Amino acid sequence: MTNLKCNAKNCMHNESPYCCISHICVGGINAKTESETCCDNFQERRENAVNSCRSHEKNPSVDIECKACNCVYNEDYRCQAKEVCISGPSACVCDETRCSTFKAR
């Protein structure tokens, strides 16, 4: 499990700075920079939507599937970084998020 901090405040899974789901997937199969990655699990928090954190606990550690094959922390599609930061404080769609921990091979 990897320690995850997330500042995507518009995501229905976010309870700053934690995620309320136990598994996330970082997208960006051809990524060469962090701006080409994203959190595939991002879902915009709508005005009347229920935050998923109401039914799940905040998770400081999560299992991270990683599709960013060019990242030094990717080992067999699993993130091996000790800590990961997902950024996107004003994101409305997953493409507006990014894995700030991404480091090109």
PDB file of N, CA and C in Angstrom:
ATOM      1  N   MET A   1       0.841  -1.181   0.000  1.00  0.00           N
ATOM      2  CA  MET A   1       0.000   0.000   0.000  1.00  0.00           C
ATOM      3  C   MET A   1       0.890   1.249   0.000  1.00  0.00           C
ATOM      4  N   THR A   2       0.405   2.251  -0.666  1.00  0.00           N
ATOM      5  CA  THR A   2       1.129   3.509  -0.814  1.00  0.00           C
ATOM      6  C   THR A   2       0.379   4.620  -0.090  1.00  0.00           C
ATOM      7  N   ASN A   3       1.117   5.500   0.569  1.00  0.00           N
ATOM      8  CA  ASN A   3       0.486   6.662   1.192  1.00  0.00           C
ATOM      9  C   ASN A   3       0.052   7.609   0.085  1.00  0.00           C
ATOM     10  N   LEU A   4      -1.208   8.011   0.123  1.00  0.00           N
ATOM     11  CA  LEU A   4      -1.775   8.866  -0.922  1.00  0.00           C
ATOM     12  C   LEU A   4      -2.297  10.158  -0.327  1.00  0.00           C
ATOM     13  N   LYS A   5      -1.883  11.252  -0.936  1.00  0.00           N
ATOM     14  CA  LYS A   5      -2.443  12.560  -0.605  1.00  0.00           C
ATOM     15  C   LYS A   5      -3.056  13.091  -1.884  1.00  0.00           C
ATOM     16  N   CYS A   6      -4.237  13.650  -1.761  1.00  0.00           N
ATOM     17  CA  CYS A   6      -4.961  14.120  -2.935  1.00  0.00           C
ATOM     18  C   CYS A   6      -5.561  15.491  -2.659  1.00  0.00           C
ATOM     19  N   ASN A   7      -5.347  16.421  -3.588  1.00  0.00           N
ATOM     20  CA  ASN A   7      -5.947  17.748  -3.421  1.00  0.00           C
ATOM     21  C   ASN A   7      -7.011  18.028  -4.477  1.00  0.00           C
ATOM     22  N   ALA A   8      -7.551  16.967  -5.085  1.00  0.00           N
ATOM     23  CA  ALA A   8      -8.644  17.123  -6.055  1.00  0.00           C
ATOM     24  C   ALA A   8      -9.946  17.308  -5.276  1.00  0.00           C
ATOM     25  N   LYS A   9     -10.146  18.512  -4.790  1.00  0.00           N
ATOM     26  CA  LYS A   9     -11.255  18.809  -3.873  1.00  0.00           C
ATOM     27  C   LYS A   9     -12.631  18.657  -4.494  1.00  0.00           C
ATOM     28  N   ASN A  10     -12.704  18.675  -5.821  1.00  0.00           N
ATOM     29  CA  ASN A  10     -13.995  18.517  -6.491  1.00  0.00           C
ATOM     30  C   ASN A  10     -14.355  17.057  -6.748  1.00  0.00           C
ATOM     31  N   CYS A  11     -13.517  16.141  -6.286  1.00  0.00           N
ATOM     32  CA  CYS A  11     -13.780  14.715  -6.505  1.00  0.00           C
ATOM     33  C   CYS A  11     -14.674  14.178  -5.393  1.00  0.00           C
ATOM     34  N   MET A  12     -15.654  13.379  -5.771  1.00  0.00           N
ATOM     35  CA  MET A  12     -16.574  12.842  -4.772  1.00  0.00           C
ATOM     36  C   MET A  12     -15.910  11.842  -3.832  1.00  0.00           C
ATOM     37  N   HIS A  13     -14.687  11.390  -4.149  1.00  0.00           N
ATOM     38  CA  HIS A  13     -13.969  10.450  -3.284  1.00  0.00           C
ATOM     39  C   HIS A  13     -13.004  11.171  -2.350  1.00  0.00           C
ATOM     40  N   ASN A  14     -12.895  12.491  -2.470  1.00  0.00           N
ATOM     41  CA  ASN A  14     -11.901  13.246  -1.711  1.00  0.00           C
ATOM     42  C   ASN A  14     -12.430  13.727  -0.371  1.00  0.00           C
ATOM     43  N   GLU A  15     -11.623  13.509   0.634  1.00  0.00           N
ATOM     44  CA  GLU A  15     -11.836  14.082   1.965  1.00  0.00           C
ATOM     45  C   GLU A  15     -10.459  14.601   2.357  1.00  0.00           C
ATOM     46  N   SER A  16     -10.159  15.815   1.955  1.00  0.00           N
ATOM     47  CA  SER A  16      -8.811  16.386   2.017  1.00  0.00           C
ATOM     48  C   SER A  16      -8.051  16.004   3.274  1.00  0.00           C
ATOM     49  N   PRO A  17      -6.841  15.544   3.089  1.00  0.00           N
ATOM     50  CA  PRO A  17      -6.145  15.262   1.835  1.00  0.00           C
ATOM     51  C   PRO A  17      -6.212  13.782   1.441  1.00  0.00           C
ATOM     52  N   TYR A  18      -7.237  13.086   1.865  1.00  0.00           N
ATOM     53  CA  TYR A  18      -7.305  11.642   1.633  1.00  0.00           C
ATOM     54  C   TYR A  18      -8.350  11.249   0.602  1.00  0.00           C
ATOM     55  N   CYS A  19      -8.225   9.997   0.160  1.00  0.00           N
ATOM     56  CA  CYS A  19      -9.182   9.398  -0.755  1.00  0.00           C
ATOM     57  C   CYS A  19      -9.996   8.389   0.043  1.00  0.00           C
ATOM     58  N   CYS A  20     -11.244   8.245  -0.289  1.00  0.00           N
ATOM     59  CA  CYS A  20     -12.121   7.350   0.463  1.00  0.00           C
ATOM     60  C   CYS A  20     -12.374   6.024  -0.247  1.00  0.00           C
ATOM     61  N   ILE A  21     -11.611   5.754  -1.289  1.00  0.00           N
ATOM     62  CA  ILE A  21     -11.698   4.426  -1.894  1.00  0.00           C
ATOM     63  C   ILE A  21     -10.351   3.735  -1.674  1.00  0.00           C
ATOM     64  N   SER A  22     -10.350   2.435  -1.626  1.00  0.00           N
ATOM     65  CA  SER A  22      -9.142   1.696  -1.244  1.00  0.00           C
ATOM     66  C   SER A  22      -8.214   1.383  -2.414  1.00  0.00           C
ATOM     67  N   HIS A  23      -8.649   1.658  -3.634  1.00  0.00           N
ATOM     68  CA  HIS A  23      -7.850   1.343  -4.821  1.00  0.00           C
ATOM     69  C   HIS A  23      -8.062   2.441  -5.855  1.00  0.00           C
ATOM     70  N   ILE A  24      -6.975   2.988  -6.381  1.00  0.00           N
ATOM     71  CA  ILE A  24      -7.098   3.947  -7.478  1.00  0.00           C
ATOM     72  C   ILE A  24      -6.248   3.485  -8.652  1.00  0.00           C
ATOM     73  N   CYS A  25      -6.517   4.059  -9.804  1.00  0.00           N
ATOM     74  CA  CYS A  25      -5.745   3.764 -11.007  1.00  0.00           C
ATOM     75  C   CYS A  25      -5.221   5.078 -11.580  1.00  0.00           C
ATOM     76  N   VAL A  26      -3.909   5.146 -11.761  1.00  0.00           N
ATOM     77  CA  VAL A  26      -3.287   6.305 -12.393  1.00  0.00           C
ATOM     78  C   VAL A  26      -3.170   6.012 -13.882  1.00  0.00           C
ATOM     79  N   GLY A  27      -3.765   6.873 -14.689  1.00  0.00           N
ATOM     80  CA  GLY A  27      -3.719   6.724 -16.136  1.00  0.00           C
ATOM     81  C   GLY A  27      -2.555   7.478 -16.739  1.00  0.00           C
ATOM     82  N   GLY A  28      -2.235   7.138 -17.975  1.00  0.00           N
ATOM     83  CA  GLY A  28      -1.164   7.819 -18.700  1.00  0.00           C
ATOM     84  C   GLY A  28      -0.202   6.833 -19.324  1.00  0.00           C
ATOM     85  N   ILE A  29      -0.731   5.901 -20.084  1.00  0.00           N
ATOM     86  CA  ILE A  29       0.083   4.805 -20.623  1.00  0.00           C
ATOM     87  C   ILE A  29       1.286   5.290 -21.426  1.00  0.00           C
ATOM     88  N   ASN A  30       1.160   6.420 -22.111  1.00  0.00           N
ATOM     89  CA  ASN A  30       2.278   6.960 -22.895  1.00  0.00           C
ATOM     90  C   ASN A  30       2.909   8.184 -22.242  1.00  0.00           C
ATOM     91  N   ALA A  31       2.596   8.431 -20.974  1.00  0.00           N
ATOM     92  CA  ALA A  31       3.059   9.639 -20.286  1.00  0.00           C
ATOM     93  C   ALA A  31       4.579   9.723 -20.226  1.00  0.00           C
ATOM     94  N   LYS A  32       5.070  10.910 -20.515  1.00  0.00           N
ATOM     95  CA  LYS A  32       6.495  11.198 -20.380  1.00  0.00           C
ATOM     96  C   LYS A  32       6.717  12.302 -19.346  1.00  0.00           C
ATOM     97  N   THR A  33       5.621  12.963 -18.952  1.00  0.00           N
ATOM     98  CA  THR A  33       5.660  13.995 -17.917  1.00  0.00           C
ATOM     99  C   THR A  33       4.445  13.804 -17.012  1.00  0.00           C
ATOM    100  N   GLU A  34       4.493  14.402 -15.838  1.00  0.00           N
ATOM    101  CA  GLU A  34       3.367  14.255 -14.902  1.00  0.00           C
ATOM    102  C   GLU A  34       2.076  14.837 -15.457  1.00  0.00           C
ATOM    103  N   SER A  35       2.170  15.847 -16.316  1.00  0.00           N
ATOM    104  CA  SER A  35       0.955  16.459 -16.869  1.00  0.00           C
ATOM    105  C   SER A  35       0.214  15.525 -17.829  1.00  0.00           C
ATOM    106  N   GLU A  36       0.856  14.444 -18.225  1.00  0.00           N
ATOM    107  CA  GLU A  36       0.216  13.463 -19.105  1.00  0.00           C
ATOM    108  C   GLU A  36      -0.377  12.290 -18.324  1.00  0.00           C
ATOM    109  N   THR A  37      -0.383  12.391 -16.998  1.00  0.00           N
ATOM    110  CA  THR A  37      -0.995  11.371 -16.145  1.00  0.00           C
ATOM    111  C   THR A  37      -2.309  11.905 -15.597  1.00  0.00           C
ATOM    112  N   CYS A  38      -3.098  11.041 -14.988  1.00  0.00           N
ATOM    113  CA  CYS A  38      -4.347  11.470 -14.358  1.00  0.00           C
ATOM    114  C   CYS A  38      -4.813  10.399 -13.381  1.00  0.00           C
ATOM    115  N   CYS A  39      -5.766  10.755 -12.553  1.00  0.00           N
ATOM    116  CA  CYS A  39      -6.422   9.781 -11.685  1.00  0.00           C
ATOM    117  C   CYS A  39      -7.680   9.322 -12.417  1.00  0.00           C
ATOM    118  N   ASP A  40      -7.661   8.063 -12.861  1.00  0.00           N
ATOM    119  CA  ASP A  40      -8.805   7.531 -13.605  1.00  0.00           C
ATOM    120  C   ASP A  40     -10.063   7.408 -12.748  1.00  0.00           C
ATOM    121  N   ASN A  41      -9.911   7.458 -11.430  1.00  0.00           N
ATOM    122  CA  ASN A  41     -11.065   7.303 -10.541  1.00  0.00           C
ATOM    123  C   ASN A  41     -11.757   8.619 -10.205  1.00  0.00           C
ATOM    124  N   PHE A  42     -11.210   9.735 -10.685  1.00  0.00           N
ATOM    125  CA  PHE A  42     -11.821  11.029 -10.395  1.00  0.00           C
ATOM    126  C   PHE A  42     -13.265  11.054 -10.881  1.00  0.00           C
ATOM    127  N   GLN A  43     -14.150  11.483  -9.999  1.00  0.00           N
ATOM    128  CA  GLN A  43     -15.553  11.718 -10.356  1.00  0.00           C
ATOM    129  C   GLN A  43     -15.949  13.041  -9.736  1.00  0.00           C
ATOM    130  N   GLU A  44     -16.420  13.939 -10.576  1.00  0.00           N
ATOM    131  CA  GLU A  44     -16.783  15.264 -10.082  1.00  0.00           C
ATOM    132  C   GLU A  44     -17.885  15.173  -9.038  1.00  0.00           C
ATOM    133  N   ARG A  45     -17.684  15.915  -7.976  1.00  0.00           N
ATOM    134  CA  ARG A  45     -18.678  16.004  -6.912  1.00  0.00           C
ATOM    135  C   ARG A  45     -19.756  16.981  -7.364  1.00  0.00           C
ATOM    136  N   ARG A  46     -20.919  16.487  -7.610  1.00  0.00           N
ATOM    137  CA  ARG A  46     -22.046  17.325  -8.043  1.00  0.00           C
ATOM    138  C   ARG A  46     -22.729  17.922  -6.815  1.00  0.00           C
ATOM    139  N   GLU A  47     -23.479  18.968  -7.031  1.00  0.00           N
ATOM    140  CA  GLU A  47     -24.127  19.688  -5.939  1.00  0.00           C
ATOM    141  C   GLU A  47     -24.983  18.785  -5.058  1.00  0.00           C
ATOM    142  N   ASN A  48     -25.756  17.895  -5.654  1.00  0.00           N
ATOM    143  CA  ASN A  48     -26.646  17.033  -4.874  1.00  0.00           C
ATOM    144  C   ASN A  48     -26.099  15.629  -4.659  1.00  0.00           C
ATOM    145  N   ALA A  49     -24.878  15.380  -5.122  1.00  0.00           N
ATOM    146  CA  ALA A  49     -24.292  14.041  -4.985  1.00  0.00           C
ATOM    147  C   ALA A  49     -23.816  13.811  -3.556  1.00  0.00           C
ATOM    148  N   VAL A  50     -23.852  12.572  -3.156  1.00  0.00           N
ATOM    149  CA  VAL A  50     -23.353  12.196  -1.834  1.00  0.00           C
ATOM    150  C   VAL A  50     -21.872  11.881  -1.965  1.00  0.00           C
ATOM    151  N   ASN A  51     -21.065  12.454  -1.093  1.00  0.00           N
ATOM    152  CA  ASN A  51     -19.639  12.180  -1.062  1.00  0.00           C
ATOM    153  C   ASN A  51     -19.436  10.724  -0.685  1.00  0.00           C
ATOM    154  N   SER A  52     -18.598   9.993  -1.441  1.00  0.00           N
ATOM    155  CA  SER A  52     -18.371   8.577  -1.148  1.00  0.00           C
ATOM    156  C   SER A  52     -17.744   8.381   0.222  1.00  0.00           C
ATOM    157  N   CYS A  53     -17.175   9.424   0.807  1.00  0.00           N
ATOM    158  CA  CYS A  53     -16.553   9.313   2.121  1.00  0.00           C
ATOM    159  C   CYS A  53     -17.584   9.108   3.223  1.00  0.00           C
ATOM    160  N   ARG A  54     -18.815   9.393   2.934  1.00  0.00           N
ATOM    161  CA  ARG A  54     -19.849   9.151   3.944  1.00  0.00           C
ATOM    162  C   ARG A  54     -20.084   7.664   4.148  1.00  0.00           C
ATOM    163  N   SER A  55     -19.812   6.868   3.117  1.00  0.00           N
ATOM    164  CA  SER A  55     -20.024   5.430   3.238  1.00  0.00           C
ATOM    165  C   SER A  55     -18.711   4.652   3.364  1.00  0.00           C
ATOM    166  N   HIS A  56     -17.569   5.309   3.169  1.00  0.00           N
ATOM    167  CA  HIS A  56     -16.267   4.654   3.277  1.00  0.00           C
ATOM    168  C   HIS A  56     -15.374   5.486   4.187  1.00  0.00           C
ATOM    169  N   GLU A  57     -14.358   4.839   4.743  1.00  0.00           N
ATOM    170  CA  GLU A  57     -13.406   5.548   5.591  1.00  0.00           C
ATOM    171  C   GLU A  57     -12.353   6.252   4.746  1.00  0.00           C
ATOM    172  N   LYS A  58     -11.783   7.313   5.312  1.00  0.00           N
ATOM    173  CA  LYS A  58     -10.659   7.979   4.665  1.00  0.00           C
ATOM    174  C   LYS A  58      -9.484   7.008   4.686  1.00  0.00           C
ATOM    175  N   ASN A  59      -8.768   6.921   3.576  1.00  0.00           N
ATOM    176  CA  ASN A  59      -7.656   5.983   3.470  1.00  0.00           C
ATOM    177  C   ASN A  59      -6.341   6.718   3.245  1.00  0.00           C
ATOM    178  N   PRO A  60      -5.493   6.803   4.267  1.00  0.00           N
ATOM    179  CA  PRO A  60      -4.185   7.412   4.033  1.00  0.00           C
ATOM    180  C   PRO A  60      -3.299   6.522   3.161  1.00  0.00           C
ATOM    181  N   SER A  61      -3.577   5.208   3.143  1.00  0.00           N
ATOM    182  CA  SER A  61      -2.820   4.265   2.316  1.00  0.00           C
ATOM    183  C   SER A  61      -3.775   3.530   1.390  1.00  0.00           C
ATOM    184  N   VAL A  62      -3.428   3.484   0.118  1.00  0.00           N
ATOM    185  CA  VAL A  62      -4.281   2.820  -0.870  1.00  0.00           C
ATOM    186  C   VAL A  62      -3.433   1.968  -1.814  1.00  0.00           C
ATOM    187  N   ASP A  63      -4.092   1.052  -2.474  1.00  0.00           N
ATOM    188  CA  ASP A  63      -3.472   0.243  -3.518  1.00  0.00           C
ATOM    189  C   ASP A  63      -3.558   1.059  -4.806  1.00  0.00           C
ATOM    190  N   ILE A  64      -2.432   1.257  -5.484  1.00  0.00           N
ATOM    191  CA  ILE A  64      -2.418   2.089  -6.685  1.00  0.00           C
ATOM    192  C   ILE A  64      -1.985   1.284  -7.902  1.00  0.00           C
ATOM    193  N   GLU A  65      -2.939   1.086  -8.805  1.00  0.00           N
ATOM    194  CA  GLU A  65      -2.629   0.512 -10.113  1.00  0.00           C
ATOM    195  C   GLU A  65      -2.075   1.658 -10.949  1.00  0.00           C
ATOM    196  N   CYS A  66      -1.022   1.396 -11.699  1.00  0.00           N
ATOM    197  CA  CYS A  66      -0.397   2.468 -12.476  1.00  0.00           C
ATOM    198  C   CYS A  66      -0.231   2.055 -13.928  1.00  0.00           C
ATOM    199  N   LYS A  67      -0.858   2.827 -14.810  1.00  0.00           N
ATOM    200  CA  LYS A  67      -0.737   2.580 -16.250  1.00  0.00           C
ATOM    201  C   LYS A  67       0.385   3.408 -16.873  1.00  0.00           C
ATOM    202  N   ALA A  68       1.026   4.265 -16.072  1.00  0.00           N
ATOM    203  CA  ALA A  68       2.114   5.114 -16.568  1.00  0.00           C
ATOM    204  C   ALA A  68       3.401   4.287 -16.624  1.00  0.00           C
ATOM    205  N   CYS A  69       3.542   3.534 -17.698  1.00  0.00           N
ATOM    206  CA  CYS A  69       4.656   2.580 -17.841  1.00  0.00           C
ATOM    207  C   CYS A  69       6.030   3.242 -17.842  1.00  0.00           C
ATOM    208  N   ASN A  70       6.094   4.528 -18.168  1.00  0.00           N
ATOM    209  CA  ASN A  70       7.376   5.228 -18.220  1.00  0.00           C
ATOM    210  C   ASN A  70       7.791   5.821 -16.882  1.00  0.00           C
ATOM    211  N   CYS A  71       7.065   5.528 -15.815  1.00  0.00           N
ATOM    212  CA  CYS A  71       7.394   6.064 -14.490  1.00  0.00           C
ATOM    213  C   CYS A  71       8.348   5.113 -13.764  1.00  0.00           C
ATOM    214  N   VAL A  72       9.340   5.675 -13.094  1.00  0.00           N
ATOM    215  CA  VAL A  72      10.314   4.851 -12.364  1.00  0.00           C
ATOM    216  C   VAL A  72       9.669   4.057 -11.232  1.00  0.00           C
ATOM    217  N   TYR A  73       8.524   4.508 -10.742  1.00  0.00           N
ATOM    218  CA  TYR A  73       7.861   3.824  -9.628  1.00  0.00           C
ATOM    219  C   TYR A  73       6.915   2.714 -10.080  1.00  0.00           C
ATOM    220  N   ASN A  74       6.703   2.594 -11.386  1.00  0.00           N
ATOM    221  CA  ASN A  74       5.804   1.574 -11.911  1.00  0.00           C
ATOM    222  C   ASN A  74       6.544   0.245 -12.010  1.00  0.00           C
ATOM    223  N   GLU A  75       6.027  -0.732 -11.296  1.00  0.00           N
ATOM    224  CA  GLU A  75       6.583  -2.081 -11.357  1.00  0.00           C
ATOM    225  C   GLU A  75       5.438  -3.052 -11.596  1.00  0.00           C
ATOM    226  N   ASP A  76       5.375  -3.569 -12.804  1.00  0.00           N
ATOM    227  CA  ASP A  76       4.315  -4.506 -13.179  1.00  0.00           C
ATOM    228  C   ASP A  76       2.926  -3.906 -12.924  1.00  0.00           C
ATOM    229  N   TYR A  77       2.755  -2.644 -13.349  1.00  0.00           N
ATOM    230  CA  TYR A  77       1.486  -1.908 -13.248  1.00  0.00           C
ATOM    231  C   TYR A  77       1.053  -1.630 -11.805  1.00  0.00           C
ATOM    232  N   ARG A  78       1.989  -1.617 -10.886  1.00  0.00           N
ATOM    233  CA  ARG A  78       1.724  -1.262  -9.493  1.00  0.00           C
ATOM    234  C   ARG A  78       2.686  -0.149  -9.103  1.00  0.00           C
ATOM    235  N   CYS A  79       2.176   0.845  -8.387  1.00  0.00           N
ATOM    236  CA  CYS A  79       3.023   1.945  -7.936  1.00  0.00           C
ATOM    237  C   CYS A  79       3.826   1.494  -6.718  1.00  0.00           C
ATOM    238  N   GLN A  80       5.134   1.713  -6.768  1.00  0.00           N
ATOM    239  CA  GLN A  80       6.021   1.327  -5.676  1.00  0.00           C
ATOM    240  C   GLN A  80       6.530   2.536  -4.884  1.00  0.00           C
ATOM    241  N   ALA A  81       6.048   3.733  -5.199  1.00  0.00           N
ATOM    242  CA  ALA A  81       6.461   4.923  -4.447  1.00  0.00           C
ATOM    243  C   ALA A  81       5.919   4.827  -3.023  1.00  0.00           C
ATOM    244  N   LYS A  82       6.656   5.373  -2.071  1.00  0.00           N
ATOM    245  CA  LYS A  82       6.193   5.350  -0.678  1.00  0.00           C
ATOM    246  C   LYS A  82       5.040   6.315  -0.461  1.00  0.00           C
ATOM    247  N   GLU A  83       5.075   7.429  -1.197  1.00  0.00           N
ATOM    248  CA  GLU A  83       4.006   8.416  -1.077  1.00  0.00           C
ATOM    249  C   GLU A  83       3.676   8.960  -2.463  1.00  0.00           C
ATOM    250  N   VAL A  84       2.395   9.121  -2.727  1.00  0.00           N
ATOM    251  CA  VAL A  84       1.922   9.642  -4.010  1.00  0.00           C
ATOM    252  C   VAL A  84       1.025  10.842  -3.754  1.00  0.00           C
ATOM    253  N   CYS A  85       1.178  11.852  -4.598  1.00  0.00           N
ATOM    254  CA  CYS A  85       0.318  13.029  -4.515  1.00  0.00           C
ATOM    255  C   CYS A  85      -0.450  13.161  -5.830  1.00  0.00           C
ATOM    256  N   ILE A  86      -1.763  13.171  -5.715  1.00  0.00           N
ATOM    257  CA  ILE A  86      -2.623  13.435  -6.868  1.00  0.00           C
ATOM    258  C   ILE A  86      -3.027  14.903  -6.793  1.00  0.00           C
ATOM    259  N   SER A  87      -2.772  15.637  -7.866  1.00  0.00           N
ATOM    260  CA  SER A  87      -3.076  17.070  -7.918  1.00  0.00           C
ATOM    261  C   SER A  87      -4.234  17.339  -8.861  1.00  0.00           C
ATOM    262  N   GLY A  88      -4.927  18.401  -8.578  1.00  0.00           N
ATOM    263  CA  GLY A  88      -6.048  18.841  -9.409  1.00  0.00           C
ATOM    264  C   GLY A  88      -7.048  19.590  -8.568  1.00  0.00           C
ATOM    265  N   PRO A  89      -6.585  20.639  -7.874  1.00  0.00           N
ATOM    266  CA  PRO A  89      -7.456  21.336  -6.925  1.00  0.00           C
ATOM    267  C   PRO A  89      -8.720  21.935  -7.529  1.00  0.00           C
ATOM    268  N   SER A  90      -8.709  22.227  -8.824  1.00  0.00           N
ATOM    269  CA  SER A  90      -9.917  22.776  -9.443  1.00  0.00           C
ATOM    270  C   SER A  90     -10.426  21.878 -10.574  1.00  0.00           C
ATOM    271  N   ALA A  91     -10.014  20.615 -10.559  1.00  0.00           N
ATOM    272  CA  ALA A  91     -10.398  19.667 -11.615  1.00  0.00           C
ATOM    273  C   ALA A  91     -11.902  19.431 -11.648  1.00  0.00           C
ATOM    274  N   CYS A  92     -12.414  19.293 -12.860  1.00  0.00           N
ATOM    275  CA  CYS A  92     -13.825  18.941 -13.066  1.00  0.00           C
ATOM    276  C   CYS A  92     -13.956  17.615 -13.815  1.00  0.00           C
ATOM    277  N   VAL A  93     -12.860  17.176 -14.433  1.00  0.00           N
ATOM    278  CA  VAL A  93     -12.800  15.887 -15.133  1.00  0.00           C
ATOM    279  C   VAL A  93     -11.447  15.252 -14.815  1.00  0.00           C
ATOM    280  N   CYS A  94     -11.344  13.943 -15.022  1.00  0.00           N
ATOM    281  CA  CYS A  94     -10.111  13.242 -14.637  1.00  0.00           C
ATOM    282  C   CYS A  94      -8.881  13.763 -15.374  1.00  0.00           C
ATOM    283  N   ASP A  95      -9.033  14.227 -16.610  1.00  0.00           N
ATOM    284  CA  ASP A  95      -7.884  14.741 -17.364  1.00  0.00           C
ATOM    285  C   ASP A  95      -7.296  16.016 -16.765  1.00  0.00           C
ATOM    286  N   GLU A  96      -7.992  16.621 -15.822  1.00  0.00           N
ATOM    287  CA  GLU A  96      -7.486  17.821 -15.152  1.00  0.00           C
ATOM    288  C   GLU A  96      -6.776  17.474 -13.846  1.00  0.00           C
ATOM    289  N   THR A  97      -6.614  16.174 -13.583  1.00  0.00           N
ATOM    290  CA  THR A  97      -5.834  15.725 -12.424  1.00  0.00           C
ATOM    291  C   THR A  97      -4.498  15.209 -12.939  1.00  0.00           C
ATOM    292  N   ARG A  98      -3.558  15.021 -12.028  1.00  0.00           N
ATOM    293  CA  ARG A  98      -2.267  14.456 -12.417  1.00  0.00           C
ATOM    294  C   ARG A  98      -1.599  13.805 -11.219  1.00  0.00           C
ATOM    295  N   CYS A  99      -0.711  12.882 -11.510  1.00  0.00           N
ATOM    296  CA  CYS A  99       0.097  12.264 -10.464  1.00  0.00           C
ATOM    297  C   CYS A  99       1.373  13.088 -10.349  1.00  0.00           C
ATOM    298  N   SER A 100       1.464  13.878  -9.301  1.00  0.00           N
ATOM    299  CA  SER A 100       2.619  14.760  -9.116  1.00  0.00           C
ATOM    300  C   SER A 100       3.876  13.990  -8.737  1.00  0.00           C
ATOM    301  N   THR A 101       3.724  12.721  -8.405  1.00  0.00           N
ATOM    302  CA  THR A 101       4.860  11.886  -8.026  1.00  0.00           C
ATOM    303  C   THR A 101       5.538  11.268  -9.251  1.00  0.00           C
ATOM    304  N   PHE A 102       4.878  11.319 -10.401  1.00  0.00           N
ATOM    305  CA  PHE A 102       5.431  10.732 -11.628  1.00  0.00           C
ATOM    306  C   PHE A 102       6.856  11.209 -11.860  1.00  0.00           C
ATOM    307  N   LYS A 103       7.730  10.257 -12.163  1.00  0.00           N
ATOM    308  CA  LYS A 103       9.118  10.571 -12.490  1.00  0.00           C
ATOM    309  C   LYS A 103       9.498   9.685 -13.670  1.00  0.00           C
ATOM    310  N   ALA A 104       9.866  10.304 -14.784  1.00  0.00           N
ATOM    311  CA  ALA A 104      10.182   9.555 -16.004  1.00  0.00           C
ATOM    312  C   ALA A 104      11.429   8.696 -15.823  1.00  0.00           C
ATOM    313  N   ARG A 105      11.394   7.529 -16.455  1.00  0.00           N
ATOM    314  CA  ARG A 105      12.558   6.615 -16.435  1.00  0.00           C
ATOM    315  C   ARG A 105      13.704   7.228 -17.197  1.00  0.00           C
TER     316      ARG A 105
END
